[in-house]
Amino acid sequence: MNDEIIDSEARMLPNWRAAMPAANVVLRSVGNRVQPGAGKIRWCRLRAGEKHTDVLPPLFVPGKFIVVLADQPDDALILDVLAAGAAGCCNTHAAPEVLQQVALVVENGGLWVGQRLLQQLIGNTARILGQGATAESGSLLELLSERERQVARMVAGGASNKEIADRLAIAERTVKAHLTAIFEKTGVRDRLQLSLKINGAGR
């Protein structure tokens, strides 16, 4: 990934380098200008004590996704930056594998909100809608194998990969493989969209 990482200091952190070997750190002072050959994502670091309303506005450019790398992320901040137009928010020091997963989700049109907040959103959606079956959710589930249906229903109920693995007595990597197959067969981008479709709100 030859993405831009925008920060107040031109210093590449080790986890960034491991996740994005071709990325470049760009100073905020020139962050309003896209670098030649830059990728789809602009990763913007939000340091402790900084306000996203002060940092983000100049960094939005047409055709590029903003992902916030927050030194002190919390649910309120994540919702605030998404409302401001960002495509995601994660910890500045997230593992390289997580950063790569964030990039994959965002580049495919999804939003990255973090696992804990995502589970809350999915769980709340399921409770509000009562997990009522609809014609759309029924036809969606018909595309799946029986085990994939089980996994999809559990995701729609707010279960994490670990919880699904424990309930079905399978490995977490098997759950991930089922989810990959589910996303491909149904054409949904992420867990939240899958939950909305199954619970009848994804029209």
C-alpha atoms as a PDB file:
ATOM      1  CA  MET A   1       0.000   0.000   0.000  1.00  0.00           C
ATOM      2  CA  ASN A   2       1.490   3.326  -1.082  1.00  0.00           C
ATOM      3  CA  ASP A   3      -0.878   5.299   1.128  1.00  0.00           C
ATOM      4  CA  GLU A   4      -0.140   8.592   2.857  1.00  0.00           C
ATOM      5  CA  ILE A   5       0.229   8.778   6.634  1.00  0.00           C
ATOM      6  CA  ILE A   6      -0.332  12.356   7.752  1.00  0.00           C
ATOM      7  CA  ASP A   7       1.178  13.451  11.070  1.00  0.00           C
ATOM      8  CA  SER A   8       2.694  16.465  12.774  1.00  0.00           C
ATOM      9  CA  GLU A   9       6.095  14.708  12.689  1.00  0.00           C
ATOM     10  CA  ALA A  10       7.704  12.912   9.745  1.00  0.00           C
ATOM     11  CA  ARG A  11       8.364   9.712  11.686  1.00  0.00           C
ATOM     12  CA  MET A  12       7.229   6.270  10.552  1.00  0.00           C
ATOM     13  CA  LEU A  13       6.195   4.006  13.442  1.00  0.00           C
ATOM     14  CA  PRO A  14       7.314   0.351  13.230  1.00  0.00           C
ATOM     15  CA  ASN A  15       3.765  -1.034  12.993  1.00  0.00           C
ATOM     16  CA  TRP A  16       2.966   1.359  10.144  1.00  0.00           C
ATOM     17  CA  ARG A  17       6.088   0.306   8.268  1.00  0.00           C
ATOM     18  CA  ALA A  18       5.282  -3.384   8.742  1.00  0.00           C
ATOM     19  CA  ALA A  19       1.695  -2.926   7.516  1.00  0.00           C
ATOM     20  CA  MET A  20       2.446  -0.454   4.719  1.00  0.00           C
ATOM     21  CA  PRO A  21       6.064  -0.738   3.544  1.00  0.00           C
ATOM     22  CA  ALA A  22       5.443   1.585   0.588  1.00  0.00           C
ATOM     23  CA  ALA A  23       3.618   4.283   2.577  1.00  0.00           C
ATOM     24  CA  ASN A  24       5.020   7.755   3.151  1.00  0.00           C
ATOM     25  CA  VAL A  25       4.633  10.035   6.158  1.00  0.00           C
ATOM     26  CA  VAL A  26       3.406  13.471   5.099  1.00  0.00           C
ATOM     27  CA  LEU A  27       3.509  16.531   7.340  1.00  0.00           C
ATOM     28  CA  ARG A  28       0.164  18.136   8.099  1.00  0.00           C
ATOM     29  CA  SER A  29       1.456  21.436   6.781  1.00  0.00           C
ATOM     30  CA  VAL A  30       1.280  19.967   3.265  1.00  0.00           C
ATOM     31  CA  GLY A  31      -1.513  17.498   3.995  1.00  0.00           C
ATOM     32  CA  ASN A  32      -3.984  19.358   1.818  1.00  0.00           C
ATOM     33  CA  ARG A  33      -1.967  18.313  -1.234  1.00  0.00           C
ATOM     34  CA  VAL A  34      -2.103  14.705  -2.405  1.00  0.00           C
ATOM     35  CA  GLN A  35       1.323  13.233  -3.130  1.00  0.00           C
ATOM     36  CA  PRO A  36       1.941  11.807  -6.644  1.00  0.00           C
ATOM     37  CA  GLY A  37       1.141   8.095  -6.851  1.00  0.00           C
ATOM     38  CA  ALA A  38      -0.594   8.038  -3.466  1.00  0.00           C
ATOM     39  CA  GLY A  39      -3.052   5.242  -2.698  1.00  0.00           C
ATOM     40  CA  LYS A  40      -6.748   5.449  -1.888  1.00  0.00           C
ATOM     41  CA  ILE A  41      -6.365   5.940   1.867  1.00  0.00           C
ATOM     42  CA  ARG A  42      -5.025   8.920   3.804  1.00  0.00           C
ATOM     43  CA  TRP A  43      -4.152   7.755   7.332  1.00  0.00           C
ATOM     44  CA  CYS A  44      -4.322  10.744   9.682  1.00  0.00           C
ATOM     45  CA  ARG A  45      -2.800  10.550  13.131  1.00  0.00           C
ATOM     46  CA  LEU A  46      -4.723  12.217  15.931  1.00  0.00           C
ATOM     47  CA  ARG A  47      -2.397  12.724  18.877  1.00  0.00           C
ATOM     48  CA  ALA A  48      -3.446  12.757  22.523  1.00  0.00           C
ATOM     49  CA  GLY A  49      -5.204  15.999  23.406  1.00  0.00           C
ATOM     50  CA  GLU A  50      -5.885  16.992  19.806  1.00  0.00           C
ATOM     51  CA  LYS A  51      -9.390  17.634  18.493  1.00  0.00           C
ATOM     52  CA  HIS A  52     -10.454  15.999  15.268  1.00  0.00           C
ATOM     53  CA  THR A  53     -12.294  19.190  14.326  1.00  0.00           C
ATOM     54  CA  ASP A  54      -8.943  21.006  14.282  1.00  0.00           C
ATOM     55  CA  VAL A  55      -6.970  18.318  12.454  1.00  0.00           C
ATOM     56  CA  LEU A  56      -9.202  16.628   9.878  1.00  0.00           C
ATOM     57  CA  PRO A  57     -11.022  19.301   7.807  1.00  0.00           C
ATOM     58  CA  PRO A  58      -8.047  20.358   5.613  1.00  0.00           C
ATOM     59  CA  LEU A  59      -7.142  16.733   4.906  1.00  0.00           C
ATOM     60  CA  PHE A  60     -10.285  15.643   3.072  1.00  0.00           C
ATOM     61  CA  VAL A  61      -9.762  15.485  -0.689  1.00  0.00           C
ATOM     62  CA  PRO A  62     -12.044  14.069  -3.410  1.00  0.00           C
ATOM     63  CA  GLY A  63     -11.576  10.405  -4.206  1.00  0.00           C
ATOM     64  CA  LYS A  64      -9.620   9.597  -1.045  1.00  0.00           C
ATOM     65  CA  PHE A  65     -10.675   7.847   2.163  1.00  0.00           C
ATOM     66  CA  ILE A  66      -9.655   9.208   5.560  1.00  0.00           C
ATOM     67  CA  VAL A  67      -8.793   6.742   8.331  1.00  0.00           C
ATOM     68  CA  VAL A  68      -7.937   8.226  11.720  1.00  0.00           C
ATOM     69  CA  LEU A  69      -5.046   6.751  13.701  1.00  0.00           C
ATOM     70  CA  ALA A  70      -5.954   7.814  17.228  1.00  0.00           C
ATOM     71  CA  ASP A  71      -3.515   7.781  20.137  1.00  0.00           C
ATOM     72  CA  GLN A  72      -6.483   7.611  22.542  1.00  0.00           C
ATOM     73  CA  PRO A  73      -9.417   6.065  20.666  1.00  0.00           C
ATOM     74  CA  ASP A  74     -12.797   5.597  22.310  1.00  0.00           C
ATOM     75  CA  ASP A  75     -16.326   4.936  21.081  1.00  0.00           C
ATOM     76  CA  ALA A  76     -17.339   8.608  21.185  1.00  0.00           C
ATOM     77  CA  LEU A  77     -14.324   9.667  19.111  1.00  0.00           C
ATOM     78  CA  ILE A  78     -14.926   6.917  16.559  1.00  0.00           C
ATOM     79  CA  LEU A  79     -18.536   8.016  16.067  1.00  0.00           C
ATOM     80  CA  ASP A  80     -17.478  11.670  15.880  1.00  0.00           C
ATOM     81  CA  VAL A  81     -14.858  11.124  13.166  1.00  0.00           C
ATOM     82  CA  LEU A  82     -17.231   8.937  11.161  1.00  0.00           C
ATOM     83  CA  ALA A  83     -19.853  11.675  11.375  1.00  0.00           C
ATOM     84  CA  ALA A  84     -17.205  14.123  10.150  1.00  0.00           C
ATOM     85  CA  GLY A  85     -16.669  12.018   7.030  1.00  0.00           C
ATOM     86  CA  ALA A  86     -13.851   9.618   7.947  1.00  0.00           C
ATOM     87  CA  ALA A  87     -14.103   6.015   6.743  1.00  0.00           C
ATOM     88  CA  GLY A  88     -12.608   4.546   9.889  1.00  0.00           C
ATOM     89  CA  CYS A  89     -10.748   4.988  13.149  1.00  0.00           C
ATOM     90  CA  CYS A  90      -8.312   2.698  14.925  1.00  0.00           C
ATOM     91  CA  ASN A  91      -5.490   2.810  17.449  1.00  0.00           C
ATOM     92  CA  THR A  92      -2.271   4.485  16.316  1.00  0.00           C
ATOM     93  CA  HIS A  93      -0.337   1.482  17.627  1.00  0.00           C
ATOM     94  CA  ALA A  94      -2.609  -1.242  16.188  1.00  0.00           C
ATOM     95  CA  ALA A  95      -0.904  -4.419  15.006  1.00  0.00           C
ATOM     96  CA  PRO A  96       0.123  -4.482  11.333  1.00  0.00           C
ATOM     97  CA  GLU A  97      -2.455  -7.209  10.651  1.00  0.00           C
ATOM     98  CA  VAL A  98      -5.215  -4.958  12.000  1.00  0.00           C
ATOM     99  CA  LEU A  99      -4.087  -2.008   9.867  1.00  0.00           C
ATOM    100  CA  GLN A 100      -4.108  -4.229   6.785  1.00  0.00           C
ATOM    101  CA  GLN A 101      -7.614  -5.409   7.653  1.00  0.00           C
ATOM    102  CA  VAL A 102      -8.746  -1.798   8.087  1.00  0.00           C
ATOM    103  CA  ALA A 103      -7.353  -0.964   4.656  1.00  0.00           C
ATOM    104  CA  LEU A 104      -9.123  -3.928   3.047  1.00  0.00           C
ATOM    105  CA  VAL A 105     -12.493  -2.974   4.538  1.00  0.00           C
ATOM    106  CA  VAL A 106     -12.195   0.721   3.664  1.00  0.00           C
ATOM    107  CA  GLU A 107     -10.903   0.159   0.118  1.00  0.00           C
ATOM    108  CA  ASN A 108     -13.945  -2.046  -0.521  1.00  0.00           C
ATOM    109  CA  GLY A 109     -16.362   0.659   0.567  1.00  0.00           C
ATOM    110  CA  GLY A 110     -16.880  -0.360   4.185  1.00  0.00           C
ATOM    111  CA  LEU A 111     -16.469   1.557   7.426  1.00  0.00           C
ATOM    112  CA  TRP A 112     -14.050   0.531  10.178  1.00  0.00           C
ATOM    113  CA  VAL A 113     -15.397   1.194  13.663  1.00  0.00           C
ATOM    114  CA  GLY A 114     -13.461  -1.331  15.736  1.00  0.00           C
ATOM    115  CA  GLN A 115     -14.608  -4.713  16.989  1.00  0.00           C
ATOM    116  CA  ARG A 116     -16.173  -3.618  20.283  1.00  0.00           C
ATOM    117  CA  LEU A 117     -18.277  -0.805  18.843  1.00  0.00           C
ATOM    118  CA  LEU A 118     -19.241  -2.942  15.853  1.00  0.00           C
ATOM    119  CA  GLN A 119     -20.563  -5.674  18.147  1.00  0.00           C
ATOM    120  CA  GLN A 120     -22.569  -3.072  20.074  1.00  0.00           C
ATOM    121  CA  LEU A 121     -24.067  -1.678  16.864  1.00  0.00           C
ATOM    122  CA  ILE A 122     -24.951  -5.119  15.561  1.00  0.00           C
ATOM    123  CA  GLY A 123     -26.400  -6.204  18.894  1.00  0.00           C
ATOM    124  CA  ASN A 124     -28.503  -3.047  19.153  1.00  0.00           C
ATOM    125  CA  THR A 125     -29.738  -3.505  15.594  1.00  0.00           C
ATOM    126  CA  ALA A 126     -30.802  -7.059  16.331  1.00  0.00           C
ATOM    127  CA  ARG A 127     -32.655  -6.021  19.488  1.00  0.00           C
ATOM    128  CA  ILE A 128     -34.396  -3.049  17.861  1.00  0.00           C
ATOM    129  CA  LEU A 129     -35.583  -5.063  14.881  1.00  0.00           C
ATOM    130  CA  GLY A 130     -36.391  -8.114  16.961  1.00  0.00           C
ATOM    131  CA  GLN A 131     -34.499 -10.306  14.509  1.00  0.00           C
ATOM    132  CA  GLY A 132     -37.684 -10.509  12.445  1.00  0.00           C
ATOM    133  CA  ALA A 133     -37.398 -12.655   9.353  1.00  0.00           C
ATOM    134  CA  THR A 134     -38.071 -10.909   6.043  1.00  0.00           C
ATOM    135  CA  ALA A 135     -38.323 -12.133   2.460  1.00  0.00           C
ATOM    136  CA  GLU A 136     -34.999 -10.437   1.719  1.00  0.00           C
ATOM    137  CA  SER A 137     -33.196 -12.049   4.642  1.00  0.00           C
ATOM    138  CA  GLY A 138     -34.691 -15.422   3.727  1.00  0.00           C
ATOM    139  CA  SER A 139     -33.485 -15.229   0.134  1.00  0.00           C
ATOM    140  CA  LEU A 140     -30.082 -14.069   1.353  1.00  0.00           C
ATOM    141  CA  LEU A 141     -29.728 -17.065   3.656  1.00  0.00           C
ATOM    142  CA  GLU A 142     -30.760 -19.450   0.876  1.00  0.00           C
ATOM    143  CA  LEU A 143     -27.476 -18.620  -0.858  1.00  0.00           C
ATOM    144  CA  LEU A 144     -25.527 -20.130   2.037  1.00  0.00           C
ATOM    145  CA  SER A 145     -24.704 -23.591   3.318  1.00  0.00           C
ATOM    146  CA  GLU A 146     -26.286 -24.696   6.583  1.00  0.00           C
ATOM    147  CA  ARG A 147     -23.138 -23.923   8.595  1.00  0.00           C
ATOM    148  CA  GLU A 148     -22.770 -20.542   6.887  1.00  0.00           C
ATOM    149  CA  ARG A 149     -26.394 -19.759   7.810  1.00  0.00           C
ATOM    150  CA  GLN A 150     -25.608 -20.542  11.435  1.00  0.00           C
ATOM    151  CA  VAL A 151     -22.604 -18.219  11.371  1.00  0.00           C
ATOM    152  CA  ALA A 152     -24.543 -15.463   9.588  1.00  0.00           C
ATOM    153  CA  ARG A 153     -27.413 -15.609  12.104  1.00  0.00           C
ATOM    154  CA  MET A 154     -24.966 -15.418  15.009  1.00  0.00           C
ATOM    155  CA  VAL A 155     -23.236 -12.408  13.446  1.00  0.00           C
ATOM    156  CA  ALA A 156     -26.652 -10.779  13.025  1.00  0.00           C
ATOM    157  CA  GLY A 157     -27.271 -11.397  16.711  1.00  0.00           C
ATOM    158  CA  GLY A 158     -24.083  -9.581  17.679  1.00  0.00           C
ATOM    159  CA  ALA A 159     -21.756 -12.521  18.370  1.00  0.00           C
ATOM    160  CA  SER A 160     -17.999 -12.096  17.945  1.00  0.00           C
ATOM    161  CA  ASN A 161     -15.842 -14.577  16.024  1.00  0.00           C
ATOM    162  CA  LYS A 162     -14.660 -16.112  19.297  1.00  0.00           C
ATOM    163  CA  GLU A 163     -18.206 -16.501  20.590  1.00  0.00           C
ATOM    164  CA  ILE A 164     -19.278 -18.130  17.327  1.00  0.00           C
ATOM    165  CA  ALA A 165     -16.287 -20.476  17.429  1.00  0.00           C
ATOM    166  CA  ASP A 166     -17.078 -21.484  21.017  1.00  0.00           C
ATOM    167  CA  ARG A 167     -20.773 -22.098  20.316  1.00  0.00           C
ATOM    168  CA  LEU A 168     -20.124 -24.150  17.185  1.00  0.00           C
ATOM    169  CA  ALA A 169     -17.015 -25.883  18.587  1.00  0.00           C
ATOM    170  CA  ILE A 170     -14.859 -24.795  15.653  1.00  0.00           C
ATOM    171  CA  ALA A 171     -11.660 -22.757  15.313  1.00  0.00           C
ATOM    172  CA  GLU A 172     -11.781 -18.969  14.916  1.00  0.00           C
ATOM    173  CA  ARG A 173      -9.962 -19.274  11.596  1.00  0.00           C
ATOM    174  CA  THR A 174     -12.816 -21.498  10.407  1.00  0.00           C
ATOM    175  CA  VAL A 175     -15.302 -18.797  11.402  1.00  0.00           C
ATOM    176  CA  LYS A 176     -13.274 -16.260   9.398  1.00  0.00           C
ATOM    177  CA  ALA A 177     -13.289 -18.600   6.391  1.00  0.00           C
ATOM    178  CA  HIS A 178     -17.072 -18.959   6.653  1.00  0.00           C
ATOM    179  CA  LEU A 179     -17.454 -15.167   6.838  1.00  0.00           C
ATOM    180  CA  THR A 180     -15.300 -14.683   3.750  1.00  0.00           C
ATOM    181  CA  ALA A 181     -17.519 -17.145   1.876  1.00  0.00           C
ATOM    182  CA  ILE A 182     -20.673 -15.453   3.214  1.00  0.00           C
ATOM    183  CA  PHE A 183     -19.508 -12.003   2.087  1.00  0.00           C
ATOM    184  CA  GLU A 184     -18.644 -13.335  -1.384  1.00  0.00           C
ATOM    185  CA  LYS A 185     -21.938 -15.196  -1.840  1.00  0.00           C
ATOM    186  CA  THR A 186     -24.185 -12.413  -0.555  1.00  0.00           C
ATOM    187  CA  GLY A 187     -22.281  -9.419  -1.915  1.00  0.00           C
ATOM    188  CA  VAL A 188     -22.189  -7.633   1.443  1.00  0.00           C
ATOM    189  CA  ARG A 189     -19.108  -5.654   2.491  1.00  0.00           C
ATOM    190  CA  ASP A 190     -18.875  -6.267   6.214  1.00  0.00           C
ATOM    191  CA  ARG A 191     -20.493  -7.651   9.375  1.00  0.00           C
ATOM    192  CA  LEU A 192     -22.681  -4.609   9.952  1.00  0.00           C
ATOM    193  CA  GLN A 193     -24.177  -4.729   6.465  1.00  0.00           C
ATOM    194  CA  LEU A 194     -24.739  -8.484   6.849  1.00  0.00           C
ATOM    195  CA  SER A 195     -26.539  -7.884  10.141  1.00  0.00           C
ATOM    196  CA  LEU A 196     -28.724  -5.173   8.622  1.00  0.00           C
ATOM    197  CA  LYS A 197     -29.645  -7.410   5.684  1.00  0.00           C
ATOM    198  CA  ILE A 198     -30.543 -10.379   7.862  1.00  0.00           C
ATOM    199  CA  ASN A 199     -32.422  -8.279  10.399  1.00  0.00           C
ATOM    200  CA  GLY A 200     -34.453  -6.614   7.675  1.00  0.00           C
ATOM    201  CA  ALA A 201     -32.996  -3.089   7.647  1.00  0.00           C
ATOM    202  CA  GLY A 202     -30.555  -3.366   4.763  1.00  0.00           C
ATOM    203  CA  ARG A 203     -32.841  -2.397   1.904  1.00  0.00           C
END
